[in-house]
């Protein structure tokens, strides 16, 4: 995957589903995941490994317990892939460099002059990645 800057959404979803399945084995009922993408959007492009980065960040920075399951959803809304997770930050602070999100911003800017959107509330973290049409 690393050899290309953009991949079809369908391929990125296949990859992130495999990653989420592995995490599901690891965390069991402590992790709740869902993916709901219209088939019509699967031939759009997104930066390589961008979905995995967001799912990894959700797991890295949040509690994942049976008492407080972490919920991660991936869906499409208005031409953007929305990755949303419950916000339940770990008590032990994991140092975040922000390099992953900064890199994602820079890749979007370079590849399509678009910007992802990152939002945080008291209850959830939301990342919105613009879909890119193949020219």
N, C-alpha and C. Protein backbone atom coordinates (compact mmCIF):
# COMPACT_ATOMS: atom_id res chain seq x y z
N UNK A 1 0.81 -1.21 0.00
CA UNK A 1 0.00 0.00 0.00
C UNK A 1 0.85 1.27 0.00
N UNK A 2 2.01 1.22 0.60
CA UNK A 2 2.81 2.42 0.78
C UNK A 2 3.32 3.03 -0.52
N UNK A 3 3.29 2.25 -1.62
CA UNK A 3 3.87 2.75 -2.86
C UNK A 3 2.97 3.74 -3.59
N UNK A 4 1.72 3.86 -3.19
CA UNK A 4 0.80 4.78 -3.85
C UNK A 4 0.31 5.81 -2.84
N UNK A 5 0.01 7.01 -3.33
CA UNK A 5 -0.49 8.06 -2.45
C UNK A 5 -1.98 7.96 -2.21
N UNK A 6 -2.71 7.46 -3.21
CA UNK A 6 -4.16 7.34 -3.11
C UNK A 6 -4.57 5.90 -3.43
N UNK A 7 -5.64 5.47 -2.79
CA UNK A 7 -6.20 4.14 -3.07
C UNK A 7 -7.71 4.26 -3.19
N UNK A 8 -8.28 3.28 -3.87
CA UNK A 8 -9.73 3.21 -3.93
C UNK A 8 -10.28 3.00 -2.52
N UNK A 9 -11.39 3.65 -2.25
CA UNK A 9 -12.03 3.49 -0.95
C UNK A 9 -12.31 2.01 -0.67
N UNK A 10 -12.74 1.27 -1.69
CA UNK A 10 -13.04 -0.15 -1.49
C UNK A 10 -11.82 -0.90 -0.95
N UNK A 11 -10.63 -0.58 -1.47
CA UNK A 11 -9.42 -1.26 -1.01
C UNK A 11 -9.04 -0.83 0.41
N UNK A 12 -9.17 0.44 0.69
CA UNK A 12 -8.87 0.94 2.04
C UNK A 12 -9.84 0.34 3.06
N UNK A 13 -11.10 0.19 2.67
CA UNK A 13 -12.08 -0.42 3.58
C UNK A 13 -11.75 -1.88 3.84
N UNK A 14 -11.34 -2.60 2.82
CA UNK A 14 -10.95 -4.00 3.00
C UNK A 14 -9.79 -4.09 3.99
N UNK A 15 -8.83 -3.20 3.83
CA UNK A 15 -7.66 -3.19 4.71
C UNK A 15 -8.05 -2.84 6.15
N UNK A 16 -8.84 -1.79 6.32
CA UNK A 16 -9.20 -1.38 7.68
C UNK A 16 -10.15 -2.39 8.33
N UNK A 17 -10.98 -3.07 7.55
CA UNK A 17 -11.83 -4.13 8.12
C UNK A 17 -10.97 -5.24 8.70
N UNK A 18 -9.92 -5.63 7.98
CA UNK A 18 -9.01 -6.66 8.49
C UNK A 18 -8.35 -6.20 9.79
N UNK A 19 -7.92 -4.95 9.81
CA UNK A 19 -7.30 -4.40 11.01
C UNK A 19 -8.30 -4.39 12.18
N UNK A 20 -9.53 -3.96 11.90
CA UNK A 20 -10.55 -3.91 12.94
C UNK A 20 -10.91 -5.32 13.42
N UNK A 21 -10.92 -6.30 12.53
CA UNK A 21 -11.18 -7.68 12.93
C UNK A 21 -10.11 -8.18 13.90
N UNK A 22 -8.85 -7.84 13.62
CA UNK A 22 -7.77 -8.23 14.54
C UNK A 22 -7.96 -7.56 15.90
N UNK A 23 -8.32 -6.30 15.89
CA UNK A 23 -8.54 -5.58 17.15
C UNK A 23 -9.75 -6.16 17.89
N UNK A 24 -10.74 -6.61 17.14
CA UNK A 24 -11.93 -7.22 17.74
C UNK A 24 -11.54 -8.51 18.48
N UNK A 25 -10.64 -9.28 17.90
CA UNK A 25 -10.14 -10.49 18.56
C UNK A 25 -9.42 -10.10 19.85
N UNK A 26 -8.64 -9.05 19.78
CA UNK A 26 -7.87 -8.58 20.94
C UNK A 26 -8.78 -8.08 22.07
N UNK A 27 -9.78 -7.26 21.72
CA UNK A 27 -10.59 -6.59 22.74
C UNK A 27 -11.95 -7.22 22.99
N UNK A 28 -12.42 -8.08 22.12
CA UNK A 28 -13.72 -8.72 22.31
C UNK A 28 -14.85 -7.72 22.41
N UNK A 29 -15.71 -7.92 23.41
CA UNK A 29 -16.89 -7.07 23.59
C UNK A 29 -16.55 -5.64 24.00
N UNK A 30 -15.30 -5.37 24.26
CA UNK A 30 -14.87 -4.02 24.66
C UNK A 30 -14.76 -3.07 23.48
N UNK A 31 -14.81 -3.63 22.27
CA UNK A 31 -14.70 -2.82 21.06
C UNK A 31 -15.90 -3.08 20.17
N UNK A 32 -16.58 -2.00 19.80
CA UNK A 32 -17.76 -2.08 18.93
C UNK A 32 -17.44 -1.31 17.65
N UNK A 33 -17.52 -1.99 16.51
CA UNK A 33 -17.19 -1.33 15.25
C UNK A 33 -18.32 -1.48 14.25
N UNK A 34 -18.43 -0.50 13.37
CA UNK A 34 -19.41 -0.59 12.29
C UNK A 34 -18.90 0.18 11.08
N UNK A 35 -19.24 -0.34 9.91
CA UNK A 35 -18.90 0.32 8.66
C UNK A 35 -20.16 0.32 7.79
N UNK A 36 -20.55 1.50 7.33
CA UNK A 36 -21.74 1.64 6.48
C UNK A 36 -21.42 2.61 5.35
N UNK A 37 -21.03 2.05 4.21
CA UNK A 37 -20.67 2.87 3.05
C UNK A 37 -21.49 2.40 1.86
N UNK A 38 -22.10 3.33 1.17
CA UNK A 38 -22.86 3.04 -0.04
C UNK A 38 -21.91 2.54 -1.13
N UNK A 39 -22.30 1.47 -1.81
CA UNK A 39 -21.47 0.89 -2.87
C UNK A 39 -21.10 1.90 -3.95
N UNK A 40 -21.93 2.92 -4.15
CA UNK A 40 -21.66 3.93 -5.18
C UNK A 40 -20.42 4.76 -4.87
N UNK A 41 -19.98 4.75 -3.63
CA UNK A 41 -18.83 5.56 -3.21
C UNK A 41 -17.51 4.78 -3.22
N UNK A 42 -17.56 3.50 -3.47
CA UNK A 42 -16.38 2.65 -3.31
C UNK A 42 -15.27 2.91 -4.32
N UNK A 43 -15.59 3.55 -5.44
CA UNK A 43 -14.56 3.83 -6.44
C UNK A 43 -13.96 5.22 -6.31
N UNK A 44 -14.32 5.94 -5.25
CA UNK A 44 -13.66 7.20 -4.94
C UNK A 44 -12.30 6.87 -4.31
N UNK A 45 -11.47 7.88 -4.18
CA UNK A 45 -10.12 7.69 -3.66
C UNK A 45 -9.96 8.39 -2.31
N UNK A 46 -9.06 7.84 -1.50
CA UNK A 46 -8.63 8.50 -0.26
C UNK A 46 -7.15 8.21 -0.08
N UNK A 47 -6.44 9.01 0.71
CA UNK A 47 -5.02 8.74 0.95
C UNK A 47 -4.81 7.36 1.57
N UNK A 48 -3.77 6.72 1.13
CA UNK A 48 -3.41 5.38 1.59
C UNK A 48 -3.26 5.34 3.12
N UNK A 49 -3.89 4.34 3.72
CA UNK A 49 -3.81 4.04 5.15
C UNK A 49 -4.42 5.12 6.05
N UNK A 50 -5.18 6.04 5.49
CA UNK A 50 -5.77 7.10 6.31
C UNK A 50 -6.82 6.55 7.28
N UNK A 51 -7.60 5.57 6.86
CA UNK A 51 -8.61 5.00 7.76
C UNK A 51 -7.95 4.24 8.90
N UNK A 52 -6.92 3.48 8.58
CA UNK A 52 -6.24 2.74 9.64
C UNK A 52 -5.63 3.69 10.67
N UNK A 53 -5.05 4.78 10.20
CA UNK A 53 -4.48 5.78 11.11
C UNK A 53 -5.53 6.25 12.12
N UNK A 54 -6.72 6.56 11.64
CA UNK A 54 -7.77 7.08 12.52
C UNK A 54 -8.26 6.02 13.50
N UNK A 55 -8.39 4.78 13.04
CA UNK A 55 -8.82 3.70 13.93
C UNK A 55 -7.73 3.41 14.97
N UNK A 56 -6.48 3.39 14.54
CA UNK A 56 -5.36 3.21 15.48
C UNK A 56 -5.36 4.29 16.54
N UNK A 57 -5.54 5.54 16.13
CA UNK A 57 -5.57 6.66 17.09
C UNK A 57 -6.69 6.49 18.11
N UNK A 58 -7.85 6.07 17.64
CA UNK A 58 -9.00 5.88 18.55
C UNK A 58 -8.65 4.86 19.62
N UNK A 59 -8.05 3.76 19.22
CA UNK A 59 -7.70 2.70 20.17
C UNK A 59 -6.55 3.14 21.08
N UNK A 60 -5.59 3.83 20.52
CA UNK A 60 -4.41 4.27 21.28
C UNK A 60 -4.77 5.26 22.40
N UNK A 61 -5.69 6.17 22.13
CA UNK A 61 -5.94 7.27 23.06
C UNK A 61 -7.14 7.07 23.98
N UNK A 62 -7.91 6.01 23.79
CA UNK A 62 -9.14 5.83 24.56
C UNK A 62 -9.15 4.53 25.35
N UNK A 63 -9.93 4.52 26.45
CA UNK A 63 -10.15 3.31 27.22
C UNK A 63 -10.95 2.34 26.37
N UNK A 64 -10.58 1.07 26.46
CA UNK A 64 -11.30 0.01 25.75
C UNK A 64 -11.55 -1.08 26.79
N UNK A 65 -12.70 -1.00 27.47
CA UNK A 65 -13.02 -1.95 28.53
C UNK A 65 -14.43 -2.46 28.35
N UNK A 66 -14.73 -3.58 29.00
CA UNK A 66 -16.09 -4.13 28.96
C UNK A 66 -17.07 -3.14 29.58
N UNK A 67 -16.63 -2.47 30.64
CA UNK A 67 -17.49 -1.49 31.31
C UNK A 67 -17.75 -0.26 30.43
N UNK A 68 -16.72 0.13 29.67
CA UNK A 68 -16.82 1.28 28.78
C UNK A 68 -16.29 0.88 27.40
N UNK A 69 -17.12 0.17 26.64
CA UNK A 69 -16.66 -0.25 25.31
C UNK A 69 -16.37 0.97 24.43
N UNK A 70 -15.34 0.84 23.62
CA UNK A 70 -15.02 1.87 22.64
C UNK A 70 -15.81 1.57 21.37
N UNK A 71 -16.50 2.57 20.90
CA UNK A 71 -17.29 2.42 19.68
C UNK A 71 -16.63 3.23 18.56
N UNK A 72 -16.39 2.57 17.43
CA UNK A 72 -15.79 3.21 16.25
C UNK A 72 -16.69 2.93 15.06
N UNK A 73 -17.11 4.00 14.38
CA UNK A 73 -17.94 3.81 13.18
C UNK A 73 -17.31 4.54 11.99
N UNK A 74 -17.51 3.96 10.82
CA UNK A 74 -17.05 4.55 9.57
C UNK A 74 -18.24 4.59 8.63
N UNK A 75 -18.56 5.80 8.14
CA UNK A 75 -19.67 5.94 7.21
C UNK A 75 -19.40 7.08 6.25
N UNK A 76 -20.25 7.24 5.26
CA UNK A 76 -20.11 8.32 4.28
C UNK A 76 -21.24 9.31 4.50
N UNK A 77 -20.89 10.58 4.49
CA UNK A 77 -21.87 11.67 4.60
C UNK A 77 -21.43 12.81 3.70
N UNK A 78 -22.26 13.19 2.78
CA UNK A 78 -22.00 14.37 1.94
C UNK A 78 -20.62 14.40 1.31
N UNK A 79 -20.23 13.28 0.71
CA UNK A 79 -18.95 13.24 0.02
C UNK A 79 -17.73 13.15 0.92
N UNK A 80 -17.96 12.79 2.17
CA UNK A 80 -16.84 12.63 3.11
C UNK A 80 -16.99 11.31 3.86
N UNK A 81 -15.85 10.72 4.15
CA UNK A 81 -15.84 9.54 5.01
C UNK A 81 -15.73 10.04 6.44
N UNK A 82 -16.68 9.63 7.26
CA UNK A 82 -16.73 10.08 8.65
C UNK A 82 -16.33 8.92 9.55
N UNK A 83 -15.25 9.12 10.29
CA UNK A 83 -14.78 8.14 11.26
C UNK A 83 -15.05 8.75 12.63
N UNK A 84 -15.90 8.06 13.39
CA UNK A 84 -16.35 8.62 14.67
C UNK A 84 -16.06 7.60 15.77
N UNK A 85 -15.56 8.08 16.90
CA UNK A 85 -15.39 7.19 18.05
C UNK A 85 -15.82 7.88 19.33
N UNK A 86 -16.26 7.05 20.27
CA UNK A 86 -16.59 7.58 21.59
C UNK A 86 -15.31 8.13 22.19
N UNK A 87 -15.43 9.19 22.96
CA UNK A 87 -14.27 9.81 23.58
C UNK A 87 -14.26 9.44 25.06
N UNK A 88 -13.31 8.61 25.42
CA UNK A 88 -13.13 8.19 26.80
C UNK A 88 -11.64 8.03 27.03
N UNK A 89 -11.00 9.18 27.10
CA UNK A 89 -9.54 9.24 27.13
C UNK A 89 -8.96 8.43 28.28
N UNK A 90 -7.84 7.81 28.00
CA UNK A 90 -7.14 7.01 29.01
C UNK A 90 -6.68 7.90 30.16
N UNK A 91 -6.67 7.36 31.35
CA UNK A 91 -6.19 8.09 32.52
C UNK A 91 -4.70 8.35 32.40
N UNK A 92 -3.97 7.31 31.98
CA UNK A 92 -2.53 7.50 31.77
C UNK A 92 -2.37 8.21 30.43
N UNK A 93 -1.70 9.31 30.47
CA UNK A 93 -1.61 10.11 29.26
C UNK A 93 -0.59 9.53 28.31
N UNK A 94 -1.05 9.19 27.12
CA UNK A 94 -0.15 8.74 26.07
C UNK A 94 0.26 9.95 25.27
N UNK A 95 1.53 10.12 25.14
CA UNK A 95 2.05 11.28 24.43
C UNK A 95 1.62 11.23 22.97
N UNK A 96 0.99 12.30 22.52
CA UNK A 96 0.58 12.40 21.13
C UNK A 96 1.41 13.48 20.46
N UNK A 97 2.06 13.09 19.39
CA UNK A 97 2.87 14.06 18.66
C UNK A 97 2.05 14.82 17.63
N UNK A 98 0.89 14.25 17.25
CA UNK A 98 0.06 14.88 16.23
C UNK A 98 0.61 14.70 14.82
N UNK A 99 1.69 13.95 14.70
CA UNK A 99 2.32 13.78 13.39
C UNK A 99 1.38 13.11 12.41
N UNK A 100 0.64 12.10 12.85
CA UNK A 100 -0.27 11.38 11.96
C UNK A 100 -1.32 12.28 11.34
N UNK A 101 -1.98 13.09 12.16
CA UNK A 101 -3.03 13.98 11.64
C UNK A 101 -2.43 15.11 10.81
N UNK A 102 -1.28 15.62 11.24
CA UNK A 102 -0.61 16.65 10.44
C UNK A 102 -0.20 16.11 9.08
N UNK A 103 0.28 14.88 9.07
CA UNK A 103 0.66 14.23 7.82
C UNK A 103 -0.56 14.04 6.92
N UNK A 104 -1.67 13.65 7.51
CA UNK A 104 -2.91 13.47 6.74
C UNK A 104 -3.38 14.79 6.14
N UNK A 105 -3.32 15.85 6.91
CA UNK A 105 -3.65 17.19 6.39
C UNK A 105 -2.76 17.55 5.21
N UNK A 106 -1.47 17.34 5.37
CA UNK A 106 -0.51 17.69 4.32
C UNK A 106 -0.72 16.85 3.07
N UNK A 107 -1.04 15.57 3.23
CA UNK A 107 -1.28 14.71 2.08
C UNK A 107 -2.51 15.16 1.30
N UNK A 108 -3.58 15.51 2.01
CA UNK A 108 -4.79 16.00 1.33
C UNK A 108 -4.49 17.29 0.57
N UNK A 109 -3.77 18.18 1.21
CA UNK A 109 -3.44 19.46 0.59
C UNK A 109 -2.63 19.25 -0.69
N UNK A 110 -1.66 18.36 -0.63
CA UNK A 110 -0.79 18.10 -1.76
C UNK A 110 -1.52 17.35 -2.89
N UNK A 111 -2.36 16.39 -2.53
CA UNK A 111 -2.98 15.53 -3.53
C UNK A 111 -4.25 16.12 -4.15
N UNK A 112 -4.99 16.91 -3.40
CA UNK A 112 -6.29 17.34 -3.91
C UNK A 112 -6.71 18.73 -3.47
N UNK A 113 -5.83 19.46 -2.82
CA UNK A 113 -6.17 20.78 -2.30
C UNK A 113 -7.46 20.75 -1.47
N UNK A 114 -7.62 19.70 -0.70
CA UNK A 114 -8.77 19.53 0.19
C UNK A 114 -8.26 19.44 1.62
N UNK A 115 -9.17 19.64 2.56
CA UNK A 115 -8.78 19.56 3.96
C UNK A 115 -9.71 18.62 4.71
N UNK A 116 -9.12 17.69 5.47
CA UNK A 116 -9.95 16.90 6.38
C UNK A 116 -10.42 17.78 7.54
N UNK A 117 -11.43 17.33 8.22
CA UNK A 117 -11.97 18.06 9.36
C UNK A 117 -11.86 17.16 10.59
N UNK A 118 -11.37 17.71 11.69
CA UNK A 118 -11.25 16.97 12.93
C UNK A 118 -12.01 17.72 14.01
N UNK A 119 -12.97 17.05 14.65
CA UNK A 119 -13.82 17.67 15.66
C UNK A 119 -13.79 16.82 16.94
N UNK A 120 -13.85 17.50 18.07
CA UNK A 120 -13.85 16.80 19.35
C UNK A 120 -14.89 17.44 20.26
N UNK A 121 -15.75 16.62 20.84
CA UNK A 121 -16.72 17.11 21.82
C UNK A 121 -16.43 16.38 23.13
N UNK A 122 -17.29 16.57 24.11
CA UNK A 122 -17.11 15.88 25.38
C UNK A 122 -17.29 14.37 25.23
N UNK A 123 -18.09 13.97 24.23
CA UNK A 123 -18.46 12.56 24.12
C UNK A 123 -17.86 11.81 22.94
N UNK A 124 -17.40 12.55 21.91
CA UNK A 124 -16.89 11.84 20.74
C UNK A 124 -15.84 12.62 19.97
N UNK A 125 -15.09 11.86 19.19
CA UNK A 125 -14.10 12.42 18.28
C UNK A 125 -14.55 12.07 16.88
N UNK A 126 -14.52 13.06 15.98
CA UNK A 126 -14.99 12.85 14.62
C UNK A 126 -13.93 13.35 13.64
N UNK A 127 -13.61 12.49 12.69
CA UNK A 127 -12.71 12.87 11.60
C UNK A 127 -13.50 12.73 10.30
N UNK A 128 -13.43 13.76 9.46
CA UNK A 128 -14.12 13.73 8.17
C UNK A 128 -13.09 13.87 7.06
N UNK A 129 -13.01 12.85 6.23
CA UNK A 129 -12.04 12.80 5.14
C UNK A 129 -12.75 12.98 3.82
N UNK A 130 -12.40 14.02 3.05
CA UNK A 130 -13.03 14.21 1.74
C UNK A 130 -12.71 13.06 0.80
N UNK A 131 -13.72 12.62 0.07
CA UNK A 131 -13.51 11.63 -0.99
C UNK A 131 -12.99 12.35 -2.22
N UNK A 132 -12.09 11.72 -2.93
CA UNK A 132 -11.47 12.32 -4.11
C UNK A 132 -11.92 11.52 -5.34
N UNK A 133 -12.39 12.24 -6.36
CA UNK A 133 -12.80 11.57 -7.60
C UNK A 133 -11.59 11.39 -8.49
N UNK A 134 -11.52 10.21 -9.10
CA UNK A 134 -10.45 9.95 -10.05
C UNK A 134 -10.68 10.81 -11.28
N UNK A 135 -9.62 11.39 -11.78
CA UNK A 135 -9.77 12.29 -12.94
C UNK A 135 -9.62 11.56 -14.24
